[in-house]
mmCIF file of all heavy atoms, coordinates in Angstrom:
data_MODEL
# 
_entry.id   MODEL 
# 
loop_
_atom_site.group_PDB 
_atom_site.id 
_atom_site.type_symbol 
_atom_site.label_atom_id 
_atom_site.label_alt_id 
_atom_site.label_comp_id 
_atom_site.label_asym_id 
_atom_site.label_entity_id 
_atom_site.label_seq_id 
_atom_site.pdbx_PDB_ins_code 
_atom_site.Cartn_x 
_atom_site.Cartn_y 
_atom_site.Cartn_z 
_atom_site.occupancy 
_atom_site.B_iso_or_equiv 
_atom_site.pdbx_formal_charge 
_atom_site.auth_seq_id 
_atom_site.auth_comp_id 
_atom_site.auth_asym_id 
_atom_site.auth_atom_id 
_atom_site.pdbx_PDB_model_num 
ATOM 1   N N   . LEU A 1 1  ? 91.078  110.846 89.982  1.00 0.00 ? 1  LEU A N   1 
ATOM 2   C CA  . LEU A 1 1  ? 91.010  109.875 91.083  1.00 0.00 ? 1  LEU A CA  1 
ATOM 3   C C   . LEU A 1 1  ? 92.264  109.032 91.228  1.00 0.00 ? 1  LEU A C   1 
ATOM 4   O O   . LEU A 1 1  ? 93.145  109.144 90.407  1.00 0.00 ? 1  LEU A O   1 
ATOM 5   C CB  . LEU A 1 1  ? 89.760  108.935 90.835  1.00 0.00 ? 1  LEU A CB  1 
ATOM 6   C CG  . LEU A 1 1  ? 89.638  108.242 89.497  1.00 0.00 ? 1  LEU A CG  1 
ATOM 7   C CD1 . LEU A 1 1  ? 90.525  106.988 89.389  1.00 0.00 ? 1  LEU A CD1 1 
ATOM 8   C CD2 . LEU A 1 1  ? 88.165  107.834 89.271  1.00 0.00 ? 1  LEU A CD2 1 
ATOM 9   N N   . THR A 1 2  ? 92.283  108.254 92.284  1.00 0.00 ? 2  THR A N   1 
ATOM 10  C CA  . THR A 1 2  ? 93.420  107.322 92.498  1.00 0.00 ? 2  THR A CA  1 
ATOM 11  C C   . THR A 1 2  ? 92.865  105.893 92.446  1.00 0.00 ? 2  THR A C   1 
ATOM 12  O O   . THR A 1 2  ? 91.810  105.625 92.975  1.00 0.00 ? 2  THR A O   1 
ATOM 13  C CB  . THR A 1 2  ? 94.026  107.545 93.856  1.00 0.00 ? 2  THR A CB  1 
ATOM 14  O OG1 . THR A 1 2  ? 94.616  108.904 93.902  1.00 0.00 ? 2  THR A OG1 1 
ATOM 15  C CG2 . THR A 1 2  ? 95.137  106.544 94.137  1.00 0.00 ? 2  THR A CG2 1 
ATOM 16  N N   . VAL A 1 3  ? 93.645  104.992 91.787  1.00 0.00 ? 3  VAL A N   1 
ATOM 17  C CA  . VAL A 1 3  ? 93.250  103.572 91.615  1.00 0.00 ? 3  VAL A CA  1 
ATOM 18  C C   . VAL A 1 3  ? 94.239  102.740 92.343  1.00 0.00 ? 3  VAL A C   1 
ATOM 19  O O   . VAL A 1 3  ? 95.490  102.942 92.194  1.00 0.00 ? 3  VAL A O   1 
ATOM 20  C CB  . VAL A 1 3  ? 93.184  103.207 90.121  1.00 0.00 ? 3  VAL A CB  1 
ATOM 21  C CG1 . VAL A 1 3  ? 92.805  101.737 90.021  1.00 0.00 ? 3  VAL A CG1 1 
ATOM 22  C CG2 . VAL A 1 3  ? 92.132  104.038 89.407  1.00 0.00 ? 3  VAL A CG2 1 
ATOM 23  N N   . VAL A 1 4  ? 93.751  101.835 93.155  1.00 0.00 ? 4  VAL A N   1 
ATOM 24  C CA  . VAL A 1 4  ? 94.620  100.871 93.840  1.00 0.00 ? 4  VAL A CA  1 
ATOM 25  C C   . VAL A 1 4  ? 94.207  99.476  93.303  1.00 0.00 ? 4  VAL A C   1 
ATOM 26  O O   . VAL A 1 4  ? 93.051  99.082  93.447  1.00 0.00 ? 4  VAL A O   1 
ATOM 27  C CB  . VAL A 1 4  ? 94.443  100.924 95.390  1.00 0.00 ? 4  VAL A CB  1 
ATOM 28  C CG1 . VAL A 1 4  ? 95.444  99.927  96.041  1.00 0.00 ? 4  VAL A CG1 1 
ATOM 29  C CG2 . VAL A 1 4  ? 94.735  102.331 95.882  1.00 0.00 ? 4  VAL A CG2 1 
ATOM 30  N N   . ASP A 1 5  ? 95.146  98.717  92.768  1.00 0.00 ? 5  ASP A N   1 
ATOM 31  C CA  . ASP A 1 5  ? 94.917  97.393  92.225  1.00 0.00 ? 5  ASP A CA  1 
ATOM 32  C C   . ASP A 1 5  ? 95.570  96.329  93.111  1.00 0.00 ? 5  ASP A C   1 
ATOM 33  O O   . ASP A 1 5  ? 96.794  96.468  93.404  1.00 0.00 ? 5  ASP A O   1 
ATOM 34  C CB  . ASP A 1 5  ? 95.416  97.292  90.755  1.00 0.00 ? 5  ASP A CB  1 
ATOM 35  C CG  . ASP A 1 5  ? 95.027  95.967  90.122  1.00 0.00 ? 5  ASP A CG  1 
ATOM 36  O OD1 . ASP A 1 5  ? 93.990  95.374  90.484  1.00 0.00 ? 5  ASP A OD1 1 
ATOM 37  O OD2 . ASP A 1 5  ? 95.803  95.509  89.232  1.00 0.00 ? 5  ASP A OD2 1 
ATOM 38  N N   . VAL A 1 6  ? 94.842  95.357  93.552  1.00 0.00 ? 6  VAL A N   1 
ATOM 39  C CA  . VAL A 1 6  ? 95.408  94.294  94.457  1.00 0.00 ? 6  VAL A CA  1 
ATOM 40  C C   . VAL A 1 6  ? 95.699  93.066  93.563  1.00 0.00 ? 6  VAL A C   1 
ATOM 41  O O   . VAL A 1 6  ? 94.792  92.632  92.805  1.00 0.00 ? 6  VAL A O   1 
ATOM 42  C CB  . VAL A 1 6  ? 94.400  93.957  95.580  1.00 0.00 ? 6  VAL A CB  1 
ATOM 43  C CG1 . VAL A 1 6  ? 95.023  92.903  96.504  1.00 0.00 ? 6  VAL A CG1 1 
ATOM 44  C CG2 . VAL A 1 6  ? 94.009  95.159  96.343  1.00 0.00 ? 6  VAL A CG2 1 
ATOM 45  N N   . ASN A 1 7  ? 96.878  92.477  93.712  1.00 0.00 ? 7  ASN A N   1 
ATOM 46  C CA  . ASN A 1 7  ? 97.281  91.282  92.960  1.00 0.00 ? 7  ASN A CA  1 
ATOM 47  C C   . ASN A 1 7  ? 97.881  90.237  93.853  1.00 0.00 ? 7  ASN A C   1 
ATOM 48  O O   . ASN A 1 7  ? 98.542  90.574  94.851  1.00 0.00 ? 7  ASN A O   1 
ATOM 49  C CB  . ASN A 1 7  ? 98.301  91.690  91.889  1.00 0.00 ? 7  ASN A CB  1 
ATOM 50  C CG  . ASN A 1 7  ? 97.765  92.656  90.910  1.00 0.00 ? 7  ASN A CG  1 
ATOM 51  O OD1 . ASN A 1 7  ? 97.122  92.350  89.948  1.00 0.00 ? 7  ASN A OD1 1 
ATOM 52  N ND2 . ASN A 1 7  ? 98.034  93.958  91.181  1.00 0.00 ? 7  ASN A ND2 1 
ATOM 53  N N   . THR A 1 8  ? 97.646  88.930  93.519  1.00 0.00 ? 8  THR A N   1 
ATOM 54  C CA  . THR A 1 8  ? 98.250  87.861  94.300  1.00 0.00 ? 8  THR A CA  1 
ATOM 55  C C   . THR A 1 8  ? 99.773  87.780  94.171  1.00 0.00 ? 8  THR A C   1 
ATOM 56  O O   . THR A 1 8  ? 100.499 87.312  95.053  1.00 0.00 ? 8  THR A O   1 
ATOM 57  C CB  . THR A 1 8  ? 97.633  86.504  93.950  1.00 0.00 ? 8  THR A CB  1 
ATOM 58  O OG1 . THR A 1 8  ? 97.768  86.332  92.549  1.00 0.00 ? 8  THR A OG1 1 
ATOM 59  C CG2 . THR A 1 8  ? 96.144  86.451  94.360  1.00 0.00 ? 8  THR A CG2 1 
ATOM 60  N N   . GLY A 1 9  ? 100.274 88.209  93.003  1.00 0.00 ? 9  GLY A N   1 
ATOM 61  C CA  . GLY A 1 9  ? 101.742 88.221  92.796  1.00 0.00 ? 9  GLY A CA  1 
ATOM 62  C C   . GLY A 1 9  ? 102.332 86.837  92.973  1.00 0.00 ? 9  GLY A C   1 
ATOM 63  O O   . GLY A 1 9  ? 101.954 85.828  92.360  1.00 0.00 ? 9  GLY A O   1 
ATOM 64  N N   . ARG A 1 10 ? 103.360 86.758  93.870  1.00 0.00 ? 10 ARG A N   1 
ATOM 65  C CA  . ARG A 1 10 ? 104.086 85.500  94.097  1.00 0.00 ? 10 ARG A CA  1 
ATOM 66  C C   . ARG A 1 10 ? 103.344 84.605  95.062  1.00 0.00 ? 10 ARG A C   1 
ATOM 67  O O   . ARG A 1 10 ? 103.746 83.448  95.305  1.00 0.00 ? 10 ARG A O   1 
ATOM 68  C CB  . ARG A 1 10 ? 105.472 85.779  94.640  1.00 0.00 ? 10 ARG A CB  1 
ATOM 69  C CG  . ARG A 1 10 ? 106.351 86.519  93.632  1.00 0.00 ? 10 ARG A CG  1 
ATOM 70  C CD  . ARG A 1 10 ? 107.848 86.492  94.077  1.00 0.00 ? 10 ARG A CD  1 
ATOM 71  N NE  . ARG A 1 10 ? 108.007 87.283  95.320  1.00 0.00 ? 10 ARG A NE  1 
ATOM 72  C CZ  . ARG A 1 10 ? 108.526 88.545  95.344  1.00 0.00 ? 10 ARG A CZ  1 
ATOM 73  N NH1 . ARG A 1 10 ? 108.938 89.095  94.186  1.00 0.00 ? 10 ARG A NH1 1 
ATOM 74  N NH2 . ARG A 1 10 ? 108.719 89.153  96.419  1.00 0.00 ? 10 ARG A NH2 1 
ATOM 75  N N   . TYR A 1 11 ? 102.256 85.055  95.708  1.00 0.00 ? 11 TYR A N   1 
ATOM 76  C CA  . TYR A 1 11 ? 101.540 84.281  96.689  1.00 0.00 ? 11 TYR A CA  1 
ATOM 77  C C   . TYR A 1 11 ? 100.589 83.294  95.991  1.00 0.00 ? 11 TYR A C   1 
ATOM 78  O O   . TYR A 1 11 ? 99.663  83.743  95.262  1.00 0.00 ? 11 TYR A O   1 
ATOM 79  C CB  . TYR A 1 11 ? 100.791 85.161  97.644  1.00 0.00 ? 11 TYR A CB  1 
ATOM 80  C CG  . TYR A 1 11 ? 100.036 84.429  98.720  1.00 0.00 ? 11 TYR A CG  1 
ATOM 81  C CD1 . TYR A 1 11 ? 100.681 83.562  99.604  1.00 0.00 ? 11 TYR A CD1 1 
ATOM 82  C CD2 . TYR A 1 11 ? 98.635  84.567  98.815  1.00 0.00 ? 11 TYR A CD2 1 
ATOM 83  C CE1 . TYR A 1 11 ? 100.008 82.929  100.575 1.00 0.00 ? 11 TYR A CE1 1 
ATOM 84  C CE2 . TYR A 1 11 ? 97.912  83.859  99.848  1.00 0.00 ? 11 TYR A CE2 1 
ATOM 85  C CZ  . TYR A 1 11 ? 98.631  83.036  100.686 1.00 0.00 ? 11 TYR A CZ  1 
ATOM 86  O OH  . TYR A 1 11 ? 97.951  82.372  101.651 1.00 0.00 ? 11 TYR A OH  1 
ATOM 87  N N   . VAL A 1 12 ? 100.808 82.018  96.142  1.00 0.00 ? 12 VAL A N   1 
ATOM 88  C CA  . VAL A 1 12 ? 99.987  80.972  95.438  1.00 0.00 ? 12 VAL A CA  1 
ATOM 89  C C   . VAL A 1 12 ? 99.165  80.185  96.408  1.00 0.00 ? 12 VAL A C   1 
ATOM 90  O O   . VAL A 1 12 ? 98.420  79.257  96.037  1.00 0.00 ? 12 VAL A O   1 
ATOM 91  C CB  . VAL A 1 12 ? 100.872 80.051  94.672  1.00 0.00 ? 12 VAL A CB  1 
ATOM 92  C CG1 . VAL A 1 12 ? 101.537 80.743  93.475  1.00 0.00 ? 12 VAL A CG1 1 
ATOM 93  C CG2 . VAL A 1 12 ? 101.976 79.368  95.515  1.00 0.00 ? 12 VAL A CG2 1 
ATOM 94  N N   . GLY A 1 13 ? 99.254  80.471  97.730  1.00 0.00 ? 13 GLY A N   1 
ATOM 95  C CA  . GLY A 1 13 ? 98.453  79.783  98.744  1.00 0.00 ? 13 GLY A CA  1 
ATOM 96  C C   . GLY A 1 13 ? 98.826  78.296  98.857  1.00 0.00 ? 13 GLY A C   1 
ATOM 97  O O   . GLY A 1 13 ? 99.940  77.917  98.536  1.00 0.00 ? 13 GLY A O   1 
ATOM 98  N N   . LYS A 1 14 ? 97.866  77.481  99.343  1.00 0.00 ? 14 LYS A N   1 
ATOM 99  C CA  . LYS A 1 14 ? 98.162  76.075  99.532  1.00 0.00 ? 14 LYS A CA  1 
ATOM 100 C C   . LYS A 1 14 ? 97.289  75.221  98.576  1.00 0.00 ? 14 LYS A C   1 
ATOM 101 O O   . LYS A 1 14 ? 97.749  74.747  97.538  1.00 0.00 ? 14 LYS A O   1 
ATOM 102 C CB  . LYS A 1 14 ? 97.959  75.688  100.989 1.00 0.00 ? 14 LYS A CB  1 
ATOM 103 C CG  . LYS A 1 14 ? 98.976  76.375  101.878 1.00 0.00 ? 14 LYS A CG  1 
ATOM 104 C CD  . LYS A 1 14 ? 98.760  75.907  103.345 1.00 0.00 ? 14 LYS A CD  1 
ATOM 105 C CE  . LYS A 1 14 ? 99.827  76.577  104.278 1.00 0.00 ? 14 LYS A CE  1 
ATOM 106 N NZ  . LYS A 1 14 ? 99.664  76.204  105.674 1.00 0.00 ? 14 LYS A NZ  1 
ATOM 107 N N   . ASN A 1 15 ? 96.024  75.019  98.913  1.00 0.00 ? 15 ASN A N   1 
ATOM 108 C CA  . ASN A 1 15 ? 95.191  74.214  98.085  1.00 0.00 ? 15 ASN A CA  1 
ATOM 109 C C   . ASN A 1 15 ? 93.780  74.697  97.857  1.00 0.00 ? 15 ASN A C   1 
ATOM 110 O O   . ASN A 1 15 ? 92.940  73.977  97.355  1.00 0.00 ? 15 ASN A O   1 
ATOM 111 C CB  . ASN A 1 15 ? 95.179  72.723  98.566  1.00 0.00 ? 15 ASN A CB  1 
ATOM 112 C CG  . ASN A 1 15 ? 94.699  72.690  100.034 1.00 0.00 ? 15 ASN A CG  1 
ATOM 113 O OD1 . ASN A 1 15 ? 94.179  73.712  100.534 1.00 0.00 ? 15 ASN A OD1 1 
ATOM 114 N ND2 . ASN A 1 15 ? 94.906  71.582  100.736 1.00 0.00 ? 15 ASN A ND2 1 
ATOM 115 N N   . ASN A 1 16 ? 93.539  75.966  98.261  1.00 0.00 ? 16 ASN A N   1 
ATOM 116 C CA  . ASN A 1 16 ? 92.199  76.494  98.191  1.00 0.00 ? 16 ASN A CA  1 
ATOM 117 C C   . ASN A 1 16 ? 92.274  77.920  97.577  1.00 0.00 ? 16 ASN A C   1 
ATOM 118 O O   . ASN A 1 16 ? 92.795  78.807  98.161  1.00 0.00 ? 16 ASN A O   1 
ATOM 119 C CB  . ASN A 1 16 ? 91.565  76.544  99.541  1.00 0.00 ? 16 ASN A CB  1 
ATOM 120 C CG  . ASN A 1 16 ? 90.103  76.963  99.497  1.00 0.00 ? 16 ASN A CG  1 
ATOM 121 O OD1 . ASN A 1 16 ? 89.767  77.977  98.885  1.00 0.00 ? 16 ASN A OD1 1 
ATOM 122 N ND2 . ASN A 1 16 ? 89.272  76.176  100.187 1.00 0.00 ? 16 ASN A ND2 1 
ATOM 123 N N   . LEU A 1 17 ? 91.729  78.061  96.337  1.00 0.00 ? 17 LEU A N   1 
ATOM 124 C CA  . LEU A 1 17 ? 91.818  79.353  95.621  1.00 0.00 ? 17 LEU A CA  1 
ATOM 125 C C   . LEU A 1 17 ? 91.078  80.432  96.376  1.00 0.00 ? 17 LEU A C   1 
ATOM 126 O O   . LEU A 1 17 ? 91.629  81.565  96.534  1.00 0.00 ? 17 LEU A O   1 
ATOM 127 C CB  . LEU A 1 17 ? 91.229  79.166  94.204  1.00 0.00 ? 17 LEU A CB  1 
ATOM 128 C CG  . LEU A 1 17 ? 91.094  80.483  93.382  1.00 0.00 ? 17 LEU A CG  1 
ATOM 129 C CD1 . LEU A 1 17 ? 92.495  81.102  93.161  1.00 0.00 ? 17 LEU A CD1 1 
ATOM 130 C CD2 . LEU A 1 17 ? 90.418  80.212  92.072  1.00 0.00 ? 17 LEU A CD2 1 
ATOM 131 N N   . ASN A 1 18 ? 89.850  80.132  96.873  1.00 0.00 ? 18 ASN A N   1 
ATOM 132 C CA  . ASN A 1 18 ? 89.119  81.173  97.524  1.00 0.00 ? 18 ASN A CA  1 
ATOM 133 C C   . ASN A 1 18 ? 89.823  81.732  98.779  1.00 0.00 ? 18 ASN A C   1 
ATOM 134 O O   . ASN A 1 18 ? 89.849  82.921  99.060  1.00 0.00 ? 18 ASN A O   1 
ATOM 135 C CB  . ASN A 1 18 ? 87.756  80.663  97.970  1.00 0.00 ? 18 ASN A CB  1 
ATOM 136 C CG  . ASN A 1 18 ? 86.837  80.474  96.797  1.00 0.00 ? 18 ASN A CG  1 
ATOM 137 O OD1 . ASN A 1 18 ? 87.010  81.092  95.748  1.00 0.00 ? 18 ASN A OD1 1 
ATOM 138 N ND2 . ASN A 1 18 ? 85.843  79.553  96.926  1.00 0.00 ? 18 ASN A ND2 1 
ATOM 139 N N   . LYS A 1 19 ? 90.529  80.813  99.486  1.00 0.00 ? 19 LYS A N   1 
ATOM 140 C CA  . LYS A 1 19 ? 91.239  81.212  100.706 1.00 0.00 ? 19 LYS A CA  1 
ATOM 141 C C   . LYS A 1 19 ? 92.491  81.996  100.298 1.00 0.00 ? 19 LYS A C   1 
ATOM 142 O O   . LYS A 1 19 ? 92.800  82.986  101.001 1.00 0.00 ? 19 LYS A O   1 
ATOM 143 C CB  . LYS A 1 19 ? 91.661  79.953  101.503 1.00 0.00 ? 19 LYS A CB  1 
ATOM 144 C CG  . LYS A 1 19 ? 92.223  80.309  102.862 1.00 0.00 ? 19 LYS A CG  1 
ATOM 145 C CD  . LYS A 1 19 ? 92.456  79.086  103.739 1.00 0.00 ? 19 LYS A CD  1 
ATOM 146 C CE  . LYS A 1 19 ? 92.972  79.499  105.086 1.00 0.00 ? 19 LYS A CE  1 
ATOM 147 N NZ  . LYS A 1 19 ? 93.198  78.323  105.975 1.00 0.00 ? 19 LYS A NZ  1 
ATOM 148 N N   . THR A 1 20 ? 93.106  81.648  99.238  1.00 0.00 ? 20 THR A N   1 
ATOM 149 C CA  . THR A 1 20 ? 94.281  82.379  98.754  1.00 0.00 ? 20 THR A CA  1 
ATOM 150 C C   . THR A 1 20 ? 93.884  83.851  98.407  1.00 0.00 ? 20 THR A C   1 
ATOM 151 O O   . THR A 1 20 ? 94.537  84.785  98.790  1.00 0.00 ? 20 THR A O   1 
ATOM 152 C CB  . THR A 1 20 ? 94.890  81.766  97.487  1.00 0.00 ? 20 THR A CB  1 
ATOM 153 O OG1 . THR A 1 20 ? 95.300  80.451  97.809  1.00 0.00 ? 20 THR A OG1 1 
ATOM 154 C CG2 . THR A 1 20 ? 96.079  82.556  96.983  1.00 0.00 ? 20 THR A CG2 1 
ATOM 155 N N   . ILE A 1 21 ? 92.782  84.038  97.733  1.00 0.00 ? 21 ILE A N   1 
ATOM 156 C CA  . ILE A 1 21 ? 92.240  85.340  97.350  1.00 0.00 ? 21 ILE A CA  1 
ATOM 157 C C   . ILE A 1 21 ? 91.868  86.125  98.596  1.00 0.00 ? 21 ILE A C   1 
ATOM 158 O O   . ILE A 1 21 ? 92.220  87.325  98.730  1.00 0.00 ? 21 ILE A O   1 
ATOM 159 C CB  . ILE A 1 21 ? 91.056  85.209  96.366  1.00 0.00 ? 21 ILE A CB  1 
ATOM 160 C CG1 . ILE A 1 21 ? 91.579  84.640  95.025  1.00 0.00 ? 21 ILE A CG1 1 
ATOM 161 C CG2 . ILE A 1 21 ? 90.371  86.557  96.237  1.00 0.00 ? 21 ILE A CG2 1 
ATOM 162 C CD1 . ILE A 1 21 ? 90.422  84.289  94.115  1.00 0.00 ? 21 ILE A CD1 1 
ATOM 163 N N   . PHE A 1 22 ? 91.111  85.446  99.500  1.00 0.00 ? 22 PHE A N   1 
ATOM 164 C CA  . PHE A 1 22 ? 90.635  86.165  100.720 1.00 0.00 ? 22 PHE A CA  1 
ATOM 165 C C   . PHE A 1 22 ? 91.878  86.627  101.572 1.00 0.00 ? 22 PHE A C   1 
ATOM 166 O O   . PHE A 1 22 ? 91.847  87.767  102.078 1.00 0.00 ? 22 PHE A O   1 
ATOM 167 C CB  . PHE A 1 22 ? 89.727  85.242  101.511 1.00 0.00 ? 22 PHE A CB  1 
ATOM 168 C CG  . PHE A 1 22 ? 89.207  85.895  102.791 1.00 0.00 ? 22 PHE A CG  1 
ATOM 169 C CD1 . PHE A 1 22 ? 88.224  86.867  102.706 1.00 0.00 ? 22 PHE A CD1 1 
ATOM 170 C CD2 . PHE A 1 22 ? 89.652  85.501  104.038 1.00 0.00 ? 22 PHE A CD2 1 
ATOM 171 C CE1 . PHE A 1 22 ? 87.706  87.469  103.863 1.00 0.00 ? 22 PHE A CE1 1 
ATOM 172 C CE2 . PHE A 1 22 ? 89.144  86.093  105.175 1.00 0.00 ? 22 PHE A CE2 1 
ATOM 173 C CZ  . PHE A 1 22 ? 88.141  87.048  105.071 1.00 0.00 ? 22 PHE A CZ  1 
ATOM 174 N N   . THR A 1 23 ? 92.839  85.779  101.704 1.00 0.00 ? 23 THR A N   1 
ATOM 175 C CA  . THR A 1 23 ? 93.994  86.092  102.523 1.00 0.00 ? 23 THR A CA  1 
ATOM 176 C C   . THR A 1 23 ? 94.759  87.303  101.937 1.00 0.00 ? 23 THR A C   1 
ATOM 177 O O   . THR A 1 23 ? 95.163  88.209  102.651 1.00 0.00 ? 23 THR A O   1 
ATOM 178 C CB  . THR A 1 23 ? 94.955  84.907  102.629 1.00 0.00 ? 23 THR A CB  1 
ATOM 179 O OG1 . THR A 1 23 ? 94.248  83.794  103.204 1.00 0.00 ? 23 THR A OG1 1 
ATOM 180 C CG2 . THR A 1 23 ? 96.215  85.235  103.480 1.00 0.00 ? 23 THR A CG2 1 
ATOM 181 N N   . THR A 1 24 ? 94.909  87.322  100.611 1.00 0.00 ? 24 THR A N   1 
ATOM 182 C CA  . THR A 1 24 ? 95.642  88.447  99.955  1.00 0.00 ? 24 THR A CA  1 
ATOM 183 C C   . THR A 1 24 ? 94.825  89.727  100.149 1.00 0.00 ? 24 THR A C   1 
ATOM 184 O O   . THR A 1 24 ? 95.384  90.802  100.455 1.00 0.00 ? 24 THR A O   1 
ATOM 185 C CB  . THR A 1 24 ? 95.826  88.136  98.433  1.00 0.00 ? 24 THR A CB  1 
ATOM 186 O OG1 . THR A 1 24 ? 96.436  86.892  98.285  1.00 0.00 ? 24 THR A OG1 1 
ATOM 187 C CG2 . THR A 1 24 ? 96.571  89.237  97.760  1.00 0.00 ? 24 THR A CG2 1 
ATOM 188 N N   . ASN A 1 25 ? 93.548  89.675  99.923  1.00 0.00 ? 25 ASN A N   1 
ATOM 189 C CA  . ASN A 1 25 ? 92.673  90.856  100.081 1.00 0.00 ? 25 ASN A CA  1 
ATOM 190 C C   . ASN A 1 25 ? 92.767  91.397  101.518 1.00 0.00 ? 25 ASN A C   1 
ATOM 191 O O   . ASN A 1 25 ? 92.823  92.636  101.736 1.00 0.00 ? 25 ASN A O   1 
ATOM 192 C CB  . ASN A 1 25 ? 91.282  90.564  99.706  1.00 0.00 ? 25 ASN A CB  1 
ATOM 193 C CG  . ASN A 1 25 ? 91.029  90.548  98.200  1.00 0.00 ? 25 ASN A CG  1 
ATOM 194 O OD1 . ASN A 1 25 ? 91.834  91.145  97.456  1.00 0.00 ? 25 ASN A OD1 1 
ATOM 195 N ND2 . ASN A 1 25 ? 89.940  89.897  97.741  1.00 0.00 ? 25 ASN A ND2 1 
ATOM 196 N N   . MET A 1 26 ? 92.699  90.583  102.540 1.00 0.00 ? 26 MET A N   1 
ATOM 197 C CA  . MET A 1 26 ? 92.669  90.967  103.905 1.00 0.00 ? 26 MET A CA  1 
ATOM 198 C C   . MET A 1 26 ? 94.042  91.574  104.293 1.00 0.00 ? 26 MET A C   1 
ATOM 199 O O   . MET A 1 26 ? 94.111  92.558  105.073 1.00 0.00 ? 26 MET A O   1 
ATOM 200 C CB  . MET A 1 26 ? 92.356  89.809  104.867 1.00 0.00 ? 26 MET A CB  1 
ATOM 201 C CG  . MET A 1 26 ? 90.949  89.318  104.742 1.00 0.00 ? 26 MET A CG  1 
ATOM 202 S SD  . MET A 1 26 ? 89.703  90.535  105.291 1.00 0.00 ? 26 MET A SD  1 
ATOM 203 C CE  . MET A 1 26 ? 89.882  90.449  107.059 1.00 0.00 ? 26 MET A CE  1 
ATOM 204 N N   . GLU A 1 27 ? 95.077  91.049  103.734 1.00 0.00 ? 27 GLU A N   1 
ATOM 205 C CA  . GLU A 1 27 ? 96.444  91.696  103.993 1.00 0.00 ? 27 GLU A CA  1 
ATOM 206 C C   . GLU A 1 27 ? 96.483  93.032  103.317 1.00 0.00 ? 27 GLU A C   1 
ATOM 207 O O   . GLU A 1 27 ? 97.059  94.020  103.822 1.00 0.00 ? 27 GLU A O   1 
ATOM 208 C CB  . GLU A 1 27 ? 97.500  90.762  103.488 1.00 0.00 ? 27 GLU A CB  1 
ATOM 209 C CG  . GLU A 1 27 ? 98.882  91.275  103.863 1.00 0.00 ? 27 GLU A CG  1 
ATOM 210 C CD  . GLU A 1 27 ? 100.013 90.368  103.293 1.00 0.00 ? 27 GLU A CD  1 
ATOM 211 O OE1 . GLU A 1 27 ? 99.783  89.442  102.574 1.00 0.00 ? 27 GLU A OE1 1 
ATOM 212 O OE2 . GLU A 1 27 ? 101.202 90.693  103.644 1.00 0.00 ? 27 GLU A OE2 1 
ATOM 213 N N   . ALA A 1 28 ? 95.865  93.128  102.092 1.00 0.00 ? 28 ALA A N   1 
ATOM 214 C CA  . ALA A 1 28 ? 95.933  94.383  101.342 1.00 0.00 ? 28 ALA A CA  1 
ATOM 215 C C   . ALA A 1 28 ? 95.158  95.509  102.085 1.00 0.00 ? 28 ALA A C   1 
ATOM 216 O O   . ALA A 1 28 ? 95.543  96.682  102.004 1.00 0.00 ? 28 ALA A O   1 
ATOM 217 C CB  . ALA A 1 28 ? 95.331  94.195  99.972  1.00 0.00 ? 28 ALA A CB  1 
# 
């Protein structure tokens, strides 16, 4: 199989962790 792992990397968002995660996932 193929595995794709999504990471926030250098993106730290602003002041909301959930929004940072959601934004990264949606871009991915």
